[in-house]
Structure formats: structure tokens, C-alpha cells
Amino acid sequence: METVADKPVKRWTYEEYYRLDDDKRYEIIDGSLLMAPAPDTFHQDWLNELNLRLTPFVRKNKLGRVFIAPVDVILNAENVVQPDLVFVAQRNVSIIQRRGIFGSPDLLVEIISPSTVRRDRYQKKDLYARFGVQEYWLADPGNNSVEVLTLDNGSYRLHVLVEGKGLLKSIVLPAFSLELSELAPGL
């Protein structure tokens, strides 16, 4: 009996990704090219409010740089992501290049949308831990919550979970805090 070999799945690299010539948002996780749909307005409100509070704090204290999506974070040739918010500490700013951030940022924020919940909560969480991202925030406008996860021996542990109201605190940015209810003041 003849055996039919499965056709190998194409593994994408950063250089191939960079040459894509359309305006769609893509990411590569473990060599698989994934398209990311445009976020909804709740997502955008949370991102905007978080950025309006975090960026001035980082600048005032000369702690590093903050970027918002879309910005490429190239973890390696087969792992390119576009987190919603990226913080690179001053000691690591050498990973910032014109085309993107080449290496592991200190803090990443993903704002969960219905279409991205599985990717953000599982795939990216594992990916970011594997590449040594010190802190990962999962912001969930649908549930009005934020989880702050910190890297501990190669995996994330919950530092703080804020739901509804409460103070969001960071280990990477220890003097920064934010009342969760301020993220979506108009809602």
C-alpha cells in the first residue's frame, strides 16, 4: 500500500513577513502567519487611556520607551508579534531599531478582544514567557479586568488581578499605579 506524505506546513520568517505588501495586520507565532482583525472601540478606549497614563510616567521618570500597536516585536526569525502596548526599559533600549523592536521588551500588554482571547491568554502568554518578557498584562474590557503576570523561573505567576475597581500595580514599573476604573471613563 502506498503512503501519501503530508505536505509540510510553510513556516514563515520575519524577512518574509516584512516583505508582505498589504495593509493587513499580521503576526508570526512559531512560524505560523496569523492575521489580526482590527480591534473594537472598547479595546481602543482602553489602549488609549492606558497609553495616556503610562507614557508620561515613563518619560517623566526617564525609565525607557513606550510603544503602541502596531509596532513589530521581533522575538526571533519565526516569532513576530504586535502587542497592544510595549515598554522597553532604559537599560534595554538598544533592542529598538527603526523597523521594530528586536528582542524581548520588559513589559507587554495585550488587550483581549473576542477574536483574540485564545491567542492572548494561551499562545502569547507561553511565547512571552519563553522569550523572557518580565511582565505581561492581560487587559479584558469585556470583563472589566486586568491581570498582571510576572515571570518567575520561566513561567508567569499572577501578581495582581483587578476587576471593576482597584489599583493596578506593576513590578517592572514599581512606582506606577492606576485605578482600573480610569481605563474606560466614558463607558
Protein backbone atom coordinates (compact mmCIF):
# COMPACT_ATOMS: atom_id res chain seq x y z
CA MET A 1 0.00 0.00 0.00
CA GLU A 2 1.31 3.43 -0.94
CA THR A 3 1.65 6.07 1.78
CA VAL A 4 0.93 9.70 0.98
CA ALA A 5 3.21 12.11 2.80
CA ASP A 6 1.63 15.19 4.29
CA LYS A 7 2.78 18.37 2.65
CA PRO A 8 4.84 20.30 5.21
CA VAL A 9 3.21 23.47 6.50
CA LYS A 10 5.01 26.62 5.43
CA ARG A 11 7.00 28.19 8.26
CA TRP A 12 7.16 31.95 7.97
CA THR A 13 10.15 34.10 8.95
CA TYR A 14 10.47 37.76 9.83
CA GLU A 15 12.08 38.64 6.49
CA GLU A 16 9.13 37.13 4.55
CA TYR A 17 6.68 38.86 6.88
CA TYR A 18 8.45 42.19 6.40
CA ARG A 19 8.08 41.91 2.61
CA LEU A 20 4.26 41.50 2.75
CA ASP A 21 2.90 44.41 0.75
CA ASP A 22 -0.63 44.86 2.03
CA ASP A 23 -2.10 46.91 4.88
CA LYS A 24 -3.32 43.99 6.98
CA ARG A 25 -2.04 43.29 10.50
CA TYR A 26 -0.13 40.04 10.84
CA GLU A 27 1.86 38.23 13.49
CA ILE A 28 4.06 35.13 13.36
CA ILE A 29 3.96 32.64 16.22
CA ASP A 30 6.22 29.60 15.94
CA GLY A 31 6.47 30.10 12.17
CA SER A 32 2.70 30.34 11.53
CA LEU A 33 1.42 33.51 9.85
CA LEU A 34 -1.70 34.82 11.64
CA MET A 35 -3.88 37.75 10.65
CA ALA A 36 -5.16 40.03 13.41
CA PRO A 37 -8.50 41.78 12.80
CA ALA A 38 -8.98 45.44 13.69
CA PRO A 39 -9.87 45.90 17.37
CA ASP A 40 -13.23 47.22 18.56
CA THR A 41 -13.81 50.63 20.18
CA PHE A 42 -13.74 49.33 23.80
CA HIS A 43 -10.31 47.88 23.03
CA GLN A 44 -9.16 51.18 21.54
CA ASP A 45 -10.52 53.18 24.52
CA TRP A 46 -8.58 51.01 26.98
CA LEU A 47 -5.39 51.22 24.92
CA ASN A 48 -5.67 54.98 24.57
CA GLU A 49 -6.32 55.56 28.29
CA LEU A 50 -3.52 53.22 29.35
CA ASN A 51 -1.08 54.89 26.98
CA LEU A 52 -2.12 58.39 28.14
CA ARG A 53 -1.18 57.43 31.71
CA LEU A 54 1.82 55.20 31.17
CA THR A 55 3.80 57.18 28.59
CA PRO A 56 4.02 60.46 30.58
CA PHE A 57 5.04 58.48 33.69
CA VAL A 58 7.81 56.67 31.80
CA ARG A 59 9.04 59.90 30.14
CA LYS A 60 8.97 61.96 33.33
CA ASN A 61 11.00 59.34 35.19
CA LYS A 62 13.29 58.58 32.21
CA LEU A 63 12.55 54.87 32.54
CA GLY A 64 12.66 53.87 28.88
CA ARG A 65 10.27 53.91 25.91
CA VAL A 66 6.60 53.05 25.36
CA PHE A 67 5.13 51.99 22.01
CA ILE A 68 1.55 51.23 21.00
CA ALA A 69 0.30 48.94 18.23
CA PRO A 70 1.04 48.50 15.52
CA VAL A 71 4.74 48.00 16.22
CA ASP A 72 6.64 44.82 15.40
CA VAL A 73 8.32 42.97 18.24
CA ILE A 74 10.72 40.51 16.63
CA LEU A 75 11.49 37.89 19.27
CA ASN A 76 13.32 35.75 16.70
CA ALA A 77 13.01 34.95 12.99
CA GLU A 78 9.85 32.85 13.49
CA ASN A 79 8.12 34.88 16.23
CA VAL A 80 6.96 38.39 15.36
CA VAL A 81 4.11 39.94 17.35
CA GLN A 82 2.30 43.26 17.61
CA PRO A 83 1.31 43.67 21.27
CA ASP A 84 -1.07 46.49 22.08
CA LEU A 85 1.45 48.25 24.31
CA VAL A 86 5.19 47.72 24.70
CA PHE A 87 7.57 49.02 27.37
CA VAL A 88 11.34 48.78 26.90
CA ALA A 89 13.40 49.78 29.94
CA GLN A 90 16.21 52.30 29.50
CA ARG A 91 18.85 49.60 30.03
CA ASN A 92 17.44 47.68 27.02
CA VAL A 93 16.75 50.47 24.50
CA SER A 94 19.43 49.05 22.19
CA ILE A 95 16.83 46.47 21.02
CA ILE A 96 14.79 49.31 19.47
CA GLN A 97 15.52 49.74 15.77
CA ARG A 98 13.75 51.63 13.01
CA ARG A 99 11.92 48.53 11.67
CA GLY A 100 10.81 47.32 15.08
CA ILE A 101 11.90 46.01 18.47
CA PHE A 102 14.42 43.19 18.03
CA GLY A 103 14.41 41.26 21.29
CA SER A 104 12.35 40.86 24.45
CA PRO A 105 10.73 44.00 25.87
CA ASP A 106 10.42 44.34 29.64
CA LEU A 107 6.62 44.63 29.71
CA LEU A 108 3.92 43.75 27.17
CA VAL A 109 0.20 44.48 27.30
CA GLU A 110 -2.42 42.64 25.29
CA ILE A 111 -5.98 43.94 25.37
CA ILE A 112 -8.23 40.96 24.87
CA SER A 113 -10.84 41.07 22.12
CA PRO A 114 -13.37 38.28 21.50
CA SER A 115 -11.40 37.23 18.40
CA THR A 116 -8.02 37.17 20.20
CA VAL A 117 -8.78 35.75 23.65
CA ARG A 118 -7.31 32.31 22.97
CA ARG A 119 -4.19 33.70 21.28
CA ASP A 120 -3.57 36.33 24.00
CA ARG A 121 -4.35 34.14 27.00
CA TYR A 122 -2.51 30.99 25.90
CA GLN A 123 -0.29 31.26 22.80
CA LYS A 124 1.19 34.66 23.54
CA LYS A 125 1.43 34.07 27.27
CA ASP A 126 3.54 30.97 26.65
CA LEU A 127 5.53 32.70 23.92
CA TYR A 128 6.33 35.75 26.05
CA ALA A 129 7.41 33.58 28.99
CA ARG A 130 9.61 31.51 26.68
CA PHE A 131 11.36 34.68 25.47
CA GLY A 132 11.81 36.14 28.95
CA VAL A 133 9.37 39.08 28.94
CA GLN A 134 9.41 40.08 32.62
CA GLU A 135 5.82 41.28 32.90
CA TYR A 136 2.68 40.57 30.87
CA TRP A 137 -0.64 42.35 31.34
CA LEU A 138 -3.87 40.82 30.07
CA ALA A 139 -6.44 43.62 29.92
CA ASP A 140 -10.02 42.48 29.34
CA PRO A 141 -12.53 45.28 28.62
CA GLY A 142 -15.36 42.73 28.29
CA ASN A 143 -14.88 41.62 31.90
CA ASN A 144 -13.54 44.99 33.12
CA SER A 145 -10.39 43.37 34.47
CA VAL A 146 -6.60 43.36 34.21
CA GLU A 147 -4.25 40.55 35.18
CA VAL A 148 -0.63 41.48 35.85
CA LEU A 149 1.59 38.44 35.37
CA THR A 150 5.27 38.38 36.33
CA LEU A 151 7.94 35.97 35.15
CA ASP A 152 9.14 33.55 37.81
CA ASN A 153 11.53 30.73 36.88
CA GLY A 154 10.44 30.72 33.23
CA SER A 155 6.67 30.89 33.73
CA TYR A 156 4.18 33.54 34.71
CA ARG A 157 2.60 33.89 38.10
CA LEU A 158 -0.25 36.22 38.98
CA HIS A 159 0.99 39.41 40.63
CA VAL A 160 -2.36 41.18 40.80
CA LEU A 161 -5.87 40.76 39.40
CA VAL A 162 -8.06 43.85 39.35
CA GLU A 163 -11.75 43.61 38.48
CA GLY A 164 -14.13 46.55 38.22
CA LYS A 165 -12.34 48.90 40.60
CA GLY A 166 -8.98 48.63 42.22
CA LEU A 167 -5.36 49.58 41.87
CA LEU A 168 -3.29 48.17 39.05
CA LYS A 169 0.36 47.80 40.13
CA SER A 170 3.50 46.70 38.32
CA ILE A 171 6.75 45.08 39.42
CA VAL A 172 8.63 46.26 36.31
CA LEU A 173 7.38 49.82 36.97
CA PRO A 174 7.11 49.77 40.79
CA ALA A 175 6.12 53.42 41.26
CA PHE A 176 3.37 53.23 38.63
CA SER A 177 -0.20 52.54 39.68
CA LEU A 178 -3.55 53.09 38.03
CA GLU A 179 -7.14 52.87 39.20
CA LEU A 180 -8.77 50.37 36.81
CA SER A 181 -11.99 52.41 36.56
CA GLU A 182 -9.94 55.14 34.80
CA LEU A 183 -9.27 52.95 31.74
CA ALA A 184 -12.74 53.39 30.29
CA PRO A 185 -14.09 56.62 31.83
CA GLY A 186 -16.76 57.11 29.16
CA LEU A 187 -18.25 53.62 29.41
